[in-house]
Amino acid sequence: MNNRLGESRAAYREVQERHQDLQRIEQTIAELAQLFNDMAILVEEQGEQVKAIEVATQNVQVDTEAGCVLPRYLSHAIRLTSFLTASNIQKKPKRLQCRRGRSGGFASSSCSLSSLSSWW
């Protein structure tokens, strides 16, 4: 009987130790669940901020690309405007005048360019 009492006490201690182990595991799982809930709340709260940052980043990218392209187009437009303005100032429209005549029995023709400014 003594032996049975000792075995039952050993079994009881083992059951108590397992019970304590299970309680620690249960406590750890509860802490982990709370941690996941806290993380979910933080992700949800910061999700709006992340979306706003993404939108701002996309806007900056679009503005930067437009800022890089626009000066090229403006530069071409300025050069073209300068060229056209300089061409109009320096060159007046010309017309071709041809004359026919006889010189020493040979038929001859000569052409010359004259300004169209007389037409205007």
C-alpha atoms as a PDB file:
ATOM      1  CA  MET A   1       0.000   0.000   0.000  1.00  0.00           C
ATOM      2  CA  ASN A   2       2.846   2.268   0.711  1.00  0.00           C
ATOM      3  CA  ASN A   3       4.090   1.652  -2.734  1.00  0.00           C
ATOM      4  CA  ARG A   4       0.705   2.508  -4.221  1.00  0.00           C
ATOM      5  CA  LEU A   5       0.544   5.716  -2.220  1.00  0.00           C
ATOM      6  CA  GLY A   6       3.970   6.770  -3.477  1.00  0.00           C
ATOM      7  CA  GLU A   7       3.022   5.982  -7.060  1.00  0.00           C
ATOM      8  CA  SER A   8      -0.200   7.922  -6.790  1.00  0.00           C
ATOM      9  CA  ARG A   9       1.616  10.948  -5.291  1.00  0.00           C
ATOM     10  CA  ALA A  10       4.193  10.815  -8.117  1.00  0.00           C
ATOM     11  CA  ALA A  11       1.383  10.600 -10.670  1.00  0.00           C
ATOM     12  CA  TYR A  12      -0.397  13.519  -8.989  1.00  0.00           C
ATOM     13  CA  ARG A  13       2.783  15.670  -9.095  1.00  0.00           C
ATOM     14  CA  GLU A  14       3.237  14.769 -12.744  1.00  0.00           C
ATOM     15  CA  VAL A  15      -0.348  15.763 -13.502  1.00  0.00           C
ATOM     16  CA  GLN A  16       0.153  19.049 -11.605  1.00  0.00           C
ATOM     17  CA  GLU A  17       3.349  19.784 -13.574  1.00  0.00           C
ATOM     18  CA  ARG A  18       1.574  19.065 -16.848  1.00  0.00           C
ATOM     19  CA  HIS A  19      -1.291  21.275 -15.739  1.00  0.00           C
ATOM     20  CA  GLN A  20       1.154  24.127 -14.986  1.00  0.00           C
ATOM     21  CA  ASP A  21       2.856  23.563 -18.339  1.00  0.00           C
ATOM     22  CA  LEU A  22      -0.527  23.757 -20.065  1.00  0.00           C
ATOM     23  CA  GLN A  23      -1.375  26.937 -18.148  1.00  0.00           C
ATOM     24  CA  ARG A  24       1.930  28.515 -19.275  1.00  0.00           C
ATOM     25  CA  ILE A  25       1.219  27.468 -22.870  1.00  0.00           C
ATOM     26  CA  GLU A  26      -2.301  28.897 -22.585  1.00  0.00           C
ATOM     27  CA  GLN A  27      -0.878  32.181 -21.187  1.00  0.00           C
ATOM     28  CA  THR A  28       1.692  32.344 -24.011  1.00  0.00           C
ATOM     29  CA  ILE A  29      -1.022  31.755 -26.625  1.00  0.00           C
ATOM     30  CA  ALA A  30      -3.194  34.490 -25.053  1.00  0.00           C
ATOM     31  CA  GLU A  31      -0.230  36.923 -25.127  1.00  0.00           C
ATOM     32  CA  LEU A  32       0.494  35.979 -28.732  1.00  0.00           C
ATOM     33  CA  ALA A  33      -3.173  36.516 -29.690  1.00  0.00           C
ATOM     34  CA  GLN A  34      -3.076  39.963 -28.054  1.00  0.00           C
ATOM     35  CA  LEU A  35       0.130  40.756 -29.928  1.00  0.00           C
ATOM     36  CA  PHE A  36      -1.500  39.802 -33.250  1.00  0.00           C
ATOM     37  CA  ASN A  37      -4.552  41.940 -32.415  1.00  0.00           C
ATOM     38  CA  ASP A  38      -2.330  44.908 -31.596  1.00  0.00           C
ATOM     39  CA  MET A  39      -0.415  44.403 -34.852  1.00  0.00           C
ATOM     40  CA  ALA A  40      -3.669  44.220 -36.822  1.00  0.00           C
ATOM     41  CA  ILE A  41      -4.798  47.527 -35.307  1.00  0.00           C
ATOM     42  CA  LEU A  42      -1.449  49.179 -36.101  1.00  0.00           C
ATOM     43  CA  VAL A  43      -1.495  47.889 -39.684  1.00  0.00           C
ATOM     44  CA  GLU A  44      -5.043  49.148 -40.147  1.00  0.00           C
ATOM     45  CA  GLU A  45      -4.209  52.579 -38.694  1.00  0.00           C
ATOM     46  CA  GLN A  46      -1.018  52.899 -40.693  1.00  0.00           C
ATOM     47  CA  GLY A  47      -2.626  51.530 -43.853  1.00  0.00           C
ATOM     48  CA  GLU A  48      -4.266  54.900 -44.518  1.00  0.00           C
ATOM     49  CA  GLN A  49      -0.946  56.666 -44.033  1.00  0.00           C
ATOM     50  CA  VAL A  50       0.806  54.220 -46.351  1.00  0.00           C
ATOM     51  CA  LYS A  51      -1.863  54.778 -49.021  1.00  0.00           C
ATOM     52  CA  ALA A  52      -1.468  58.539 -48.695  1.00  0.00           C
ATOM     53  CA  ILE A  53       2.306  58.201 -49.011  1.00  0.00           C
ATOM     54  CA  GLU A  54       1.901  55.987 -52.105  1.00  0.00           C
ATOM     55  CA  VAL A  55      -0.415  58.525 -53.738  1.00  0.00           C
ATOM     56  CA  ALA A  56       1.983  61.375 -52.918  1.00  0.00           C
ATOM     57  CA  THR A  57       4.886  59.367 -54.316  1.00  0.00           C
ATOM     58  CA  GLN A  58       3.012  58.686 -57.544  1.00  0.00           C
ATOM     59  CA  ASN A  59       2.164  62.387 -57.852  1.00  0.00           C
ATOM     60  CA  VAL A  60       5.801  63.315 -57.338  1.00  0.00           C
ATOM     61  CA  GLN A  61       6.838  60.807 -59.996  1.00  0.00           C
ATOM     62  CA  VAL A  62       4.333  62.211 -62.508  1.00  0.00           C
ATOM     63  CA  ASP A  63       5.357  65.789 -61.717  1.00  0.00           C
ATOM     64  CA  THR A  64       9.049  64.904 -61.990  1.00  0.00           C
ATOM     65  CA  GLU A  65       8.568  63.198 -65.347  1.00  0.00           C
ATOM     66  CA  ALA A  66       6.577  66.175 -66.594  1.00  0.00           C
ATOM     67  CA  GLY A  67       9.263  68.501 -65.262  1.00  0.00           C
ATOM     68  CA  CYS A  68      11.936  66.585 -67.180  1.00  0.00           C
ATOM     69  CA  VAL A  69       9.989  66.464 -70.438  1.00  0.00           C
ATOM     70  CA  LEU A  70       8.562  69.975 -70.472  1.00  0.00           C
ATOM     71  CA  PRO A  71      11.896  71.841 -70.680  1.00  0.00           C
ATOM     72  CA  ARG A  72      12.840  69.781 -73.751  1.00  0.00           C
ATOM     73  CA  TYR A  73       9.610  70.722 -75.502  1.00  0.00           C
ATOM     74  CA  LEU A  74       9.952  74.343 -74.448  1.00  0.00           C
ATOM     75  CA  SER A  75      13.555  74.390 -75.625  1.00  0.00           C
ATOM     76  CA  HIS A  76      12.535  73.036 -79.038  1.00  0.00           C
ATOM     77  CA  ALA A  77       9.654  75.495 -79.253  1.00  0.00           C
ATOM     78  CA  ILE A  78      11.901  78.446 -78.346  1.00  0.00           C
ATOM     79  CA  ARG A  79      14.518  77.397 -80.914  1.00  0.00           C
ATOM     80  CA  LEU A  80      11.849  76.931 -83.572  1.00  0.00           C
ATOM     81  CA  THR A  81      10.285  80.295 -82.771  1.00  0.00           C
ATOM     82  CA  SER A  82      13.700  81.958 -82.871  1.00  0.00           C
ATOM     83  CA  PHE A  83      14.517  80.266 -86.161  1.00  0.00           C
ATOM     84  CA  LEU A  84      11.207  81.243 -87.754  1.00  0.00           C
ATOM     85  CA  THR A  85      11.489  84.806 -86.499  1.00  0.00           C
ATOM     86  CA  ALA A  86      15.075  85.086 -87.736  1.00  0.00           C
ATOM     87  CA  SER A  87      14.101  83.555 -91.084  1.00  0.00           C
ATOM     88  CA  ASN A  88      11.272  86.047 -91.553  1.00  0.00           C
ATOM     89  CA  ILE A  89      13.502  88.967 -90.680  1.00  0.00           C
ATOM     90  CA  GLN A  90      16.499  87.918 -92.770  1.00  0.00           C
ATOM     91  CA  LYS A  91      14.774  86.403 -95.783  1.00  0.00           C
ATOM     92  CA  LYS A  92      11.974  87.970 -97.695  1.00  0.00           C
ATOM     93  CA  PRO A  93      10.040  85.813-100.106  1.00  0.00           C
ATOM     94  CA  LYS A  94      11.558  85.807-103.584  1.00  0.00           C
ATOM     95  CA  ARG A  95      10.110  85.238-106.998  1.00  0.00           C
ATOM     96  CA  LEU A  96      11.812  84.019-110.085  1.00  0.00           C
ATOM     97  CA  GLN A  97      11.795  86.409-113.045  1.00  0.00           C
ATOM     98  CA  CYS A  98      12.745  85.064-116.387  1.00  0.00           C
ATOM     99  CA  ARG A  99      13.487  87.132-119.482  1.00  0.00           C
ATOM    100  CA  ARG A 100      13.884  86.002-123.024  1.00  0.00           C
ATOM    101  CA  GLY A 101      15.756  87.803-125.612  1.00  0.00           C
ATOM    102  CA  ARG A 102      17.969  87.593-128.689  1.00  0.00           C
ATOM    103  CA  SER A 103      21.547  88.323-128.688  1.00  0.00           C
ATOM    104  CA  GLY A 104      23.634  87.978-131.831  1.00  0.00           C
ATOM    105  CA  GLY A 105      21.236  85.600-133.493  1.00  0.00           C
ATOM    106  CA  PHE A 106      21.056  83.293-130.523  1.00  0.00           C
ATOM    107  CA  ALA A 107      18.011  82.979-128.353  1.00  0.00           C
ATOM    108  CA  SER A 108      18.851  83.540-124.748  1.00  0.00           C
ATOM    109  CA  SER A 109      17.047  83.518-121.486  1.00  0.00           C
ATOM    110  CA  SER A 110      18.069  84.737-118.087  1.00  0.00           C
ATOM    111  CA  CYS A 111      16.449  84.340-114.757  1.00  0.00           C
ATOM    112  CA  SER A 112      16.904  86.308-111.599  1.00  0.00           C
ATOM    113  CA  LEU A 113      15.448  86.309-108.146  1.00  0.00           C
ATOM    114  CA  SER A 114      13.734  89.399-106.932  1.00  0.00           C
ATOM    115  CA  SER A 115      12.108  90.176-103.651  1.00  0.00           C
ATOM    116  CA  LEU A 116       8.386  89.785-103.297  1.00  0.00           C
ATOM    117  CA  SER A 117       8.268  92.808-101.113  1.00  0.00           C
ATOM    118  CA  SER A 118       7.009  94.765-104.105  1.00  0.00           C
ATOM    119  CA  TRP A 119       3.951  92.522-104.107  1.00  0.00           C
ATOM    120  CA  TRP A 120       3.111  93.362-100.536  1.00  0.00           C
END
